[in-house]
Amino acid sequence: MIAHYTNGNVLTVKKLLRHKRIENTMKYISMIHFEEDEFEVTTATTVEEAKQALSVGFNYITEKDGIMLFRRPKRFCGINAGLSV
């Protein structure tokens, strides 16, 4: 459900879908689904890189061989343009 990827923020969904009325958003909020494999991933080797990844919406997953792994759901409508780590 899209609400899961926006932390349940209906106003964010409204903005992403470019709706003028919240009622329209409520109709569609449960109709958009992401596949589980639709994630962007990034890595970090320093605390500063990790902070940057977290600040743009990545979630920490695990660490392997001193490399921290992060992921976030892919978004639609180009919302993440310019936010890559």
PDB file of N, CA and C in Angstrom:
ATOM      1  N   MET A   1       0.822  -1.176   0.000  1.00  0.00           N
ATOM      2  CA  MET A   1       0.000   0.000   0.000  1.00  0.00           C
ATOM      3  C   MET A   1       0.872   1.248   0.000  1.00  0.00           C
ATOM      4  N   ILE A   2       0.470   2.244  -0.706  1.00  0.00           N
ATOM      5  CA  ILE A   2       1.270   3.463  -0.802  1.00  0.00           C
ATOM      6  C   ILE A   2       1.403   4.159   0.538  1.00  0.00           C
ATOM      7  N   ALA A   3       0.401   4.038   1.392  1.00  0.00           N
ATOM      8  CA  ALA A   3       0.479   4.669   2.704  1.00  0.00           C
ATOM      9  C   ALA A   3       1.670   4.141   3.496  1.00  0.00           C
ATOM     10  N   HIS A   4       2.003   2.893   3.311  1.00  0.00           N
ATOM     11  CA  HIS A   4       3.156   2.307   3.997  1.00  0.00           C
ATOM     12  C   HIS A   4       4.446   3.011   3.588  1.00  0.00           C
ATOM     13  N   TYR A   5       4.589   3.353   2.323  1.00  0.00           N
ATOM     14  CA  TYR A   5       5.812   3.959   1.817  1.00  0.00           C
ATOM     15  C   TYR A   5       5.908   5.451   2.107  1.00  0.00           C
ATOM     16  N   THR A   6       4.810   6.044   2.559  1.00  0.00           N
ATOM     17  CA  THR A   6       4.826   7.463   2.926  1.00  0.00           C
ATOM     18  C   THR A   6       4.570   7.626   4.409  1.00  0.00           C
ATOM     19  N   ASN A   7       4.755   6.540   5.155  1.00  0.00           N
ATOM     20  CA  ASN A   7       4.527   6.542   6.603  1.00  0.00           C
ATOM     21  C   ASN A   7       3.110   6.967   6.955  1.00  0.00           C
ATOM     22  N   GLY A   8       2.153   6.630   6.096  1.00  0.00           N
ATOM     23  CA  GLY A   8       0.751   6.915   6.367  1.00  0.00           C
ATOM     24  C   GLY A   8       0.355   8.366   6.170  1.00  0.00           C
ATOM     25  N   ASN A   9       1.191   9.166   5.559  1.00  0.00           N
ATOM     26  CA  ASN A   9       0.908  10.583   5.391  1.00  0.00           C
ATOM     27  C   ASN A   9       0.079  10.806   4.127  1.00  0.00           C
ATOM     28  N   VAL A  10      -1.215  10.984   4.317  1.00  0.00           N
ATOM     29  CA  VAL A  10      -2.137  11.156   3.188  1.00  0.00           C
ATOM     30  C   VAL A  10      -1.839  12.439   2.429  1.00  0.00           C
ATOM     31  N   LEU A  11      -1.401  13.471   3.116  1.00  0.00           N
ATOM     32  CA  LEU A  11      -1.090  14.732   2.431  1.00  0.00           C
ATOM     33  C   LEU A  11       0.111  14.578   1.499  1.00  0.00           C
ATOM     34  N   THR A  12       1.077  13.748   1.881  1.00  0.00           N
ATOM     35  CA  THR A  12       2.207  13.464   0.990  1.00  0.00           C
ATOM     36  C   THR A  12       1.719  12.736  -0.251  1.00  0.00           C
ATOM     37  N   VAL A  13       0.836  11.758  -0.060  1.00  0.00           N
ATOM     38  CA  VAL A  13       0.275  11.020  -1.192  1.00  0.00           C
ATOM     39  C   VAL A  13      -0.503  11.966  -2.090  1.00  0.00           C
ATOM     40  N   LYS A  14      -1.287  12.852  -1.504  1.00  0.00           N
ATOM     41  CA  LYS A  14      -2.065  13.837  -2.271  1.00  0.00           C
ATOM     42  C   LYS A  14      -1.136  14.675  -3.143  1.00  0.00           C
ATOM     43  N   LYS A  15      -0.035  15.113  -2.562  1.00  0.00           N
ATOM     44  CA  LYS A  15       0.930  15.925  -3.312  1.00  0.00           C
ATOM     45  C   LYS A  15       1.580  15.110  -4.427  1.00  0.00           C
ATOM     46  N   LEU A  16       1.978  13.867  -4.127  1.00  0.00           N
ATOM     47  CA  LEU A  16       2.623  13.025  -5.123  1.00  0.00           C
ATOM     48  C   LEU A  16       1.709  12.725  -6.303  1.00  0.00           C
ATOM     49  N   LEU A  17       0.420  12.538  -6.008  1.00  0.00           N
ATOM     50  CA  LEU A  17      -0.543  12.242  -7.073  1.00  0.00           C
ATOM     51  C   LEU A  17      -1.079  13.505  -7.746  1.00  0.00           C
ATOM     52  N   ARG A  18      -0.678  14.647  -7.203  1.00  0.00           N
ATOM     53  CA  ARG A  18      -1.084  15.958  -7.738  1.00  0.00           C
ATOM     54  C   ARG A  18      -2.597  16.148  -7.728  1.00  0.00           C
ATOM     55  N   HIS A  19      -3.217  15.690  -6.649  1.00  0.00           N
ATOM     56  CA  HIS A  19      -4.652  15.880  -6.491  1.00  0.00           C
ATOM     57  C   HIS A  19      -4.937  17.230  -5.849  1.00  0.00           C
ATOM     58  N   LYS A  20      -6.056  17.823  -6.229  1.00  0.00           N
ATOM     59  CA  LYS A  20      -6.478  19.079  -5.619  1.00  0.00           C
ATOM     60  C   LYS A  20      -7.327  18.821  -4.382  1.00  0.00           C
ATOM     61  N   ARG A  21      -8.048  17.699  -4.388  1.00  0.00           N
ATOM     62  CA  ARG A  21      -8.950  17.383  -3.280  1.00  0.00           C
ATOM     63  C   ARG A  21      -8.520  16.099  -2.587  1.00  0.00           C
ATOM     64  N   ILE A  22      -8.509  16.128  -1.275  1.00  0.00           N
ATOM     65  CA  ILE A  22      -8.112  14.967  -0.493  1.00  0.00           C
ATOM     66  C   ILE A  22      -9.048  13.782  -0.726  1.00  0.00           C
ATOM     67  N   GLU A  23     -10.298  14.061  -1.066  1.00  0.00           N
ATOM     68  CA  GLU A  23     -11.263  12.996  -1.331  1.00  0.00           C
ATOM     69  C   GLU A  23     -10.820  12.127  -2.505  1.00  0.00           C
ATOM     70  N   ASN A  24     -10.228  12.746  -3.515  1.00  0.00           N
ATOM     71  CA  ASN A  24      -9.734  11.988  -4.663  1.00  0.00           C
ATOM     72  C   ASN A  24      -8.561  11.096  -4.258  1.00  0.00           C
ATOM     73  N   THR A  25      -7.712  11.615  -3.421  1.00  0.00           N
ATOM     74  CA  THR A  25      -6.568  10.833  -2.948  1.00  0.00           C
ATOM     75  C   THR A  25      -7.040   9.613  -2.179  1.00  0.00           C
ATOM     76  N   MET A  26      -8.039   9.796  -1.338  1.00  0.00           N
ATOM     77  CA  MET A  26      -8.536   8.690  -0.524  1.00  0.00           C
ATOM     78  C   MET A  26      -9.080   7.550  -1.392  1.00  0.00           C
ATOM     79  N   LYS A  27      -9.602   7.869  -2.569  1.00  0.00           N
ATOM     80  CA  LYS A  27     -10.104   6.836  -3.486  1.00  0.00           C
ATOM     81  C   LYS A  27      -8.972   5.954  -3.986  1.00  0.00           C
ATOM     82  N   TYR A  28      -7.817   6.546  -4.226  1.00  0.00           N
ATOM     83  CA  TYR A  28      -6.731   5.851  -4.896  1.00  0.00           C
ATOM     84  C   TYR A  28      -5.621   5.361  -3.971  1.00  0.00           C
ATOM     85  N   ILE A  29      -5.634   5.762  -2.731  1.00  0.00           N
ATOM     86  CA  ILE A  29      -4.492   5.495  -1.858  1.00  0.00           C
ATOM     87  C   ILE A  29      -4.179   4.008  -1.723  1.00  0.00           C
ATOM     88  N   SER A  30      -5.169   3.168  -1.761  1.00  0.00           N
ATOM     89  CA  SER A  30      -4.899   1.734  -1.607  1.00  0.00           C
ATOM     90  C   SER A  30      -4.751   1.015  -2.945  1.00  0.00           C
ATOM     91  N   MET A  31      -4.788   1.734  -4.048  1.00  0.00           N
ATOM     92  CA  MET A  31      -4.717   1.103  -5.364  1.00  0.00           C
ATOM     93  C   MET A  31      -3.302   1.030  -5.925  1.00  0.00           C
ATOM     94  N   ILE A  32      -2.368   1.752  -5.369  1.00  0.00           N
ATOM     95  CA  ILE A  32      -1.001   1.766  -5.880  1.00  0.00           C
ATOM     96  C   ILE A  32      -0.163   0.831  -5.022  1.00  0.00           C
ATOM     97  N   HIS A  33       0.467  -0.128  -5.670  1.00  0.00           N
ATOM     98  CA  HIS A  33       1.274  -1.109  -4.953  1.00  0.00           C
ATOM     99  C   HIS A  33       2.674  -1.156  -5.543  1.00  0.00           C
ATOM    100  N   PHE A  34       3.641  -1.384  -4.703  1.00  0.00           N
ATOM    101  CA  PHE A  34       5.010  -1.609  -5.121  1.00  0.00           C
ATOM    102  C   PHE A  34       5.324  -3.075  -4.939  1.00  0.00           C
ATOM    103  N   GLU A  35       6.069  -3.639  -5.837  1.00  0.00           N
ATOM    104  CA  GLU A  35       6.584  -4.993  -5.649  1.00  0.00           C
ATOM    105  C   GLU A  35       7.688  -4.917  -4.599  1.00  0.00           C
ATOM    106  N   GLU A  36       7.884  -5.987  -3.891  1.00  0.00           N
ATOM    107  CA  GLU A  36       8.887  -5.992  -2.835  1.00  0.00           C
ATOM    108  C   GLU A  36      10.302  -5.735  -3.355  1.00  0.00           C
ATOM    109  N   ASP A  37      10.552  -6.029  -4.641  1.00  0.00           N
ATOM    110  CA  ASP A  37      11.903  -5.841  -5.169  1.00  0.00           C
ATOM    111  C   ASP A  37      12.126  -4.455  -5.764  1.00  0.00           C
ATOM    112  N   GLU A  38      11.173  -3.561  -5.591  1.00  0.00           N
ATOM    113  CA  GLU A  38      11.306  -2.230  -6.152  1.00  0.00           C
ATOM    114  C   GLU A  38      11.930  -1.278  -5.135  1.00  0.00           C
ATOM    115  N   PHE A  39      13.228  -1.478  -4.910  1.00  0.00           N
ATOM    116  CA  PHE A  39      13.946  -0.650  -3.956  1.00  0.00           C
ATOM    117  C   PHE A  39      15.170  -0.042  -4.595  1.00  0.00           C
ATOM    118  N   GLU A  40      15.514   1.155  -4.138  1.00  0.00           N
ATOM    119  CA  GLU A  40      16.802   1.751  -4.453  1.00  0.00           C
ATOM    120  C   GLU A  40      17.723   1.340  -3.323  1.00  0.00           C
ATOM    121  N   VAL A  41      18.968   1.095  -3.624  1.00  0.00           N
ATOM    122  CA  VAL A  41      19.924   0.709  -2.594  1.00  0.00           C
ATOM    123  C   VAL A  41      21.140   1.622  -2.651  1.00  0.00           C
ATOM    124  N   THR A  42      21.801   1.752  -1.513  1.00  0.00           N
ATOM    125  CA  THR A  42      23.040   2.510  -1.444  1.00  0.00           C
ATOM    126  C   THR A  42      23.894   1.918  -0.329  1.00  0.00           C
ATOM    127  N   THR A  43      25.151   2.288  -0.314  1.00  0.00           N
ATOM    128  CA  THR A  43      26.065   1.805   0.717  1.00  0.00           C
ATOM    129  C   THR A  43      26.769   2.990   1.361  1.00  0.00           C
ATOM    130  N   ALA A  44      27.325   2.736   2.527  1.00  0.00           N
ATOM    131  CA  ALA A  44      28.101   3.759   3.227  1.00  0.00           C
ATOM    132  C   ALA A  44      29.245   3.073   3.966  1.00  0.00           C
ATOM    133  N   THR A  45      30.391   3.758   3.989  1.00  0.00           N
ATOM    134  CA  THR A  45      31.542   3.213   4.713  1.00  0.00           C
ATOM    135  C   THR A  45      31.947   4.125   5.866  1.00  0.00           C
ATOM    136  N   THR A  46      31.357   5.318   5.938  1.00  0.00           N
ATOM    137  CA  THR A  46      31.648   6.247   7.026  1.00  0.00           C
ATOM    138  C   THR A  46      30.349   6.690   7.681  1.00  0.00           C
ATOM    139  N   VAL A  47      30.486   7.250   8.867  1.00  0.00           N
ATOM    140  CA  VAL A  47      29.311   7.760   9.576  1.00  0.00           C
ATOM    141  C   VAL A  47      28.661   8.896   8.785  1.00  0.00           C
ATOM    142  N   GLU A  48      29.448   9.751   8.187  1.00  0.00           N
ATOM    143  CA  GLU A  48      28.901  10.867   7.401  1.00  0.00           C
ATOM    144  C   GLU A  48      28.089  10.363   6.206  1.00  0.00           C
ATOM    145  N   GLU A  49      28.590   9.363   5.497  1.00  0.00           N
ATOM    146  CA  GLU A  49      27.842   8.778   4.377  1.00  0.00           C
ATOM    147  C   GLU A  49      26.542   8.151   4.874  1.00  0.00           C
ATOM    148  N   ALA A  50      26.589   7.500   6.028  1.00  0.00           N
ATOM    149  CA  ALA A  50      25.390   6.887   6.600  1.00  0.00           C
ATOM    150  C   ALA A  50      24.365   7.956   6.963  1.00  0.00           C
ATOM    151  N   LYS A  51      24.815   9.065   7.558  1.00  0.00           N
ATOM    152  CA  LYS A  51      23.908  10.170   7.895  1.00  0.00           C
ATOM    153  C   LYS A  51      23.235  10.723   6.647  1.00  0.00           C
ATOM    154  N   GLN A  52      24.010  10.852   5.582  1.00  0.00           N
ATOM    155  CA  GLN A  52      23.460  11.385   4.336  1.00  0.00           C
ATOM    156  C   GLN A  52      22.396  10.438   3.776  1.00  0.00           C
ATOM    157  N   ALA A  53      22.675   9.146   3.793  1.00  0.00           N
ATOM    158  CA  ALA A  53      21.701   8.163   3.291  1.00  0.00           C
ATOM    159  C   ALA A  53      20.424   8.216   4.113  1.00  0.00           C
ATOM    160  N   LEU A  54      20.550   8.280   5.415  1.00  0.00           N
ATOM    161  CA  LEU A  54      19.372   8.351   6.280  1.00  0.00           C
ATOM    162  C   LEU A  54      18.592   9.639   6.061  1.00  0.00           C
ATOM    163  N   SER A  55      19.298  10.750   5.807  1.00  0.00           N
ATOM    164  CA  SER A  55      18.623  12.040   5.643  1.00  0.00           C
ATOM    165  C   SER A  55      17.792  12.121   4.372  1.00  0.00           C
ATOM    166  N   VAL A  56      18.066  11.260   3.394  1.00  0.00           N
ATOM    167  CA  VAL A  56      17.275  11.284   2.156  1.00  0.00           C
ATOM    168  C   VAL A  56      16.330  10.088   2.068  1.00  0.00           C
ATOM    169  N   GLY A  57      16.065   9.462   3.210  1.00  0.00           N
ATOM    170  CA  GLY A  57      15.007   8.461   3.247  1.00  0.00           C
ATOM    171  C   GLY A  57      15.416   7.008   3.154  1.00  0.00           C
ATOM    172  N   PHE A  58      16.701   6.723   3.134  1.00  0.00           N
ATOM    173  CA  PHE A  58      17.127   5.329   3.115  1.00  0.00           C
ATOM    174  C   PHE A  58      17.011   4.742   4.510  1.00  0.00           C
ATOM    175  N   ASN A  59      16.727   3.461   4.590  1.00  0.00           N
ATOM    176  CA  ASN A  59      16.655   2.733   5.857  1.00  0.00           C
ATOM    177  C   ASN A  59      17.855   1.808   5.958  1.00  0.00           C
ATOM    178  N   TYR A  60      18.445   1.766   7.144  1.00  0.00           N
ATOM    179  CA  TYR A  60      19.580   0.893   7.389  1.00  0.00           C
ATOM    180  C   TYR A  60      19.108  -0.552   7.381  1.00  0.00           C
ATOM    181  N   ILE A  61      19.829  -1.429   6.666  1.00  0.00           N
ATOM    182  CA  ILE A  61      19.468  -2.842   6.597  1.00  0.00           C
ATOM    183  C   ILE A  61      20.445  -3.691   7.397  1.00  0.00           C
ATOM    184  N   THR A  62      21.714  -3.636   7.061  1.00  0.00           N
ATOM    185  CA  THR A  62      22.716  -4.453   7.749  1.00  0.00           C
ATOM    186  C   THR A  62      24.104  -3.940   7.407  1.00  0.00           C
ATOM    187  N   GLU A  63      25.098  -4.556   7.993  1.00  0.00           N
ATOM    188  CA  GLU A  63      26.490  -4.235   7.681  1.00  0.00           C
ATOM    189  C   GLU A  63      27.220  -5.514   7.307  1.00  0.00           C
ATOM    190  N   LYS A  64      28.024  -5.448   6.272  1.00  0.00           N
ATOM    191  CA  LYS A  64      28.800  -6.607   5.835  1.00  0.00           C
ATOM    192  C   LYS A  64      30.192  -6.135   5.452  1.00  0.00           C
ATOM    193  N   ASP A  65      31.196  -6.748   6.025  1.00  0.00           N
ATOM    194  CA  ASP A  65      32.595  -6.412   5.739  1.00  0.00           C
ATOM    195  C   ASP A  65      32.878  -4.921   5.892  1.00  0.00           C
ATOM    196  N   GLY A  66      32.283  -4.294   6.899  1.00  0.00           N
ATOM    197  CA  GLY A  66      32.518  -2.879   7.154  1.00  0.00           C
ATOM    198  C   GLY A  66      31.754  -1.927   6.259  1.00  0.00           C
ATOM    199  N   ILE A  67      30.855  -2.450   5.430  1.00  0.00           N
ATOM    200  CA  ILE A  67      30.045  -1.614   4.531  1.00  0.00           C
ATOM    201  C   ILE A  67      28.600  -1.674   5.003  1.00  0.00           C
ATOM    202  N   MET A  68      28.019  -0.504   5.283  1.00  0.00           N
ATOM    203  CA  MET A  68      26.623  -0.423   5.707  1.00  0.00           C
ATOM    204  C   MET A  68      25.719  -0.423   4.470  1.00  0.00           C
ATOM    205  N   LEU A  69      24.673  -1.214   4.516  1.00  0.00           N
ATOM    206  CA  LEU A  69      23.735  -1.329   3.396  1.00  0.00           C
ATOM    207  C   LEU A  69      22.415  -0.655   3.764  1.00  0.00           C
ATOM    208  N   PHE A  70      21.890   0.135   2.838  1.00  0.00           N
ATOM    209  CA  PHE A  70      20.650   0.880   3.027  1.00  0.00           C
ATOM    210  C   PHE A  70      19.733   0.631   1.832  1.00  0.00           C
ATOM    211  N   ARG A  71      18.436   0.780   2.053  1.00  0.00           N
ATOM    212  CA  ARG A  71      17.483   0.723   0.938  1.00  0.00           C
ATOM    213  C   ARG A  71      16.287   1.606   1.252  1.00  0.00           C
ATOM    214  N   ARG A  72      15.567   1.981   0.187  1.00  0.00           N
ATOM    215  CA  ARG A  72      14.309   2.714   0.300  1.00  0.00           C
ATOM    216  C   ARG A  72      13.437   2.307  -0.871  1.00  0.00           C
ATOM    217  N   PRO A  73      12.128   2.360  -0.704  1.00  0.00           N
ATOM    218  CA  PRO A  73      11.236   2.012  -1.809  1.00  0.00           C
ATOM    219  C   PRO A  73      11.412   2.999  -2.963  1.00  0.00           C
ATOM    220  N   LYS A  74      11.341   2.491  -4.180  1.00  0.00           N
ATOM    221  CA  LYS A  74      11.365   3.379  -5.339  1.00  0.00           C
ATOM    222  C   LYS A  74      10.092   4.195  -5.306  1.00  0.00           C
ATOM    223  N   ARG A  75      10.212   5.422  -5.713  1.00  0.00           N
ATOM    224  CA  ARG A  75       9.048   6.303  -5.723  1.00  0.00           C
ATOM    225  C   ARG A  75       8.635   6.536  -7.162  1.00  0.00           C
ATOM    226  N   PHE A  76       7.465   7.130  -7.323  1.00  0.00           N
ATOM    227  CA  PHE A  76       6.940   7.412  -8.650  1.00  0.00           C
ATOM    228  C   PHE A  76       6.954   8.903  -8.904  1.00  0.00           C
ATOM    229  N   CYS A  77       6.740   9.311 -10.135  1.00  0.00           N
ATOM    230  CA  CYS A  77       6.652  10.700 -10.568  1.00  0.00           C
ATOM    231  C   CYS A  77       7.958  11.479 -10.397  1.00  0.00           C
ATOM    232  N   GLY A  78       9.082  10.782 -10.310  1.00  0.00           N
ATOM    233  CA  GLY A  78      10.356  11.470 -10.231  1.00  0.00           C
ATOM    234  C   GLY A  78      10.552  12.278  -8.958  1.00  0.00           C
ATOM    235  N   ILE A  79       9.866  11.941  -7.907  1.00  0.00           N
ATOM    236  CA  ILE A  79       9.924  12.699  -6.669  1.00  0.00           C
ATOM    237  C   ILE A  79      11.338  12.733  -6.094  1.00  0.00           C
ATOM    238  N   ASN A  80      12.124  11.696  -6.288  1.00  0.00           N
ATOM    239  CA  ASN A  80      13.443  11.636  -5.678  1.00  0.00           C
ATOM    240  C   ASN A  80      14.545  12.261  -6.526  1.00  0.00           C
ATOM    241  N   ALA A  81      14.192  12.966  -7.547  1.00  0.00           N
ATOM    242  CA  ALA A  81      15.220  13.550  -8.400  1.00  0.00           C
ATOM    243  C   ALA A  81      16.149  14.436  -7.588  1.00  0.00           C
ATOM    244  N   GLY A  82      17.414  14.181  -7.716  1.00  0.00           N
ATOM    245  CA  GLY A  82      18.411  14.985  -7.029  1.00  0.00           C
ATOM    246  C   GLY A  82      18.669  14.558  -5.595  1.00  0.00           C
ATOM    247  N   LEU A  83      18.062  13.488  -5.128  1.00  0.00           N
ATOM    248  CA  LEU A  83      18.260  13.068  -3.758  1.00  0.00           C
ATOM    249  C   LEU A  83      19.115  11.811  -3.655  1.00  0.00           C
ATOM    250  N   SER A  84      19.764  11.439  -4.697  1.00  0.00           N
ATOM    251  CA  SER A  84      20.570  10.213  -4.659  1.00  0.00           C
ATOM    252  C   SER A  84      21.777  10.414  -3.778  1.00  0.00           C
ATOM    253  N   VAL A  85      22.193   9.295  -3.192  1.00  0.00           N
ATOM    254  CA  VAL A  85      23.394   9.318  -2.359  1.00  0.00           C
ATOM    255  C   VAL A  85      24.546   8.791  -3.160  1.00  0.00           C
TER     256      VAL A  85
END
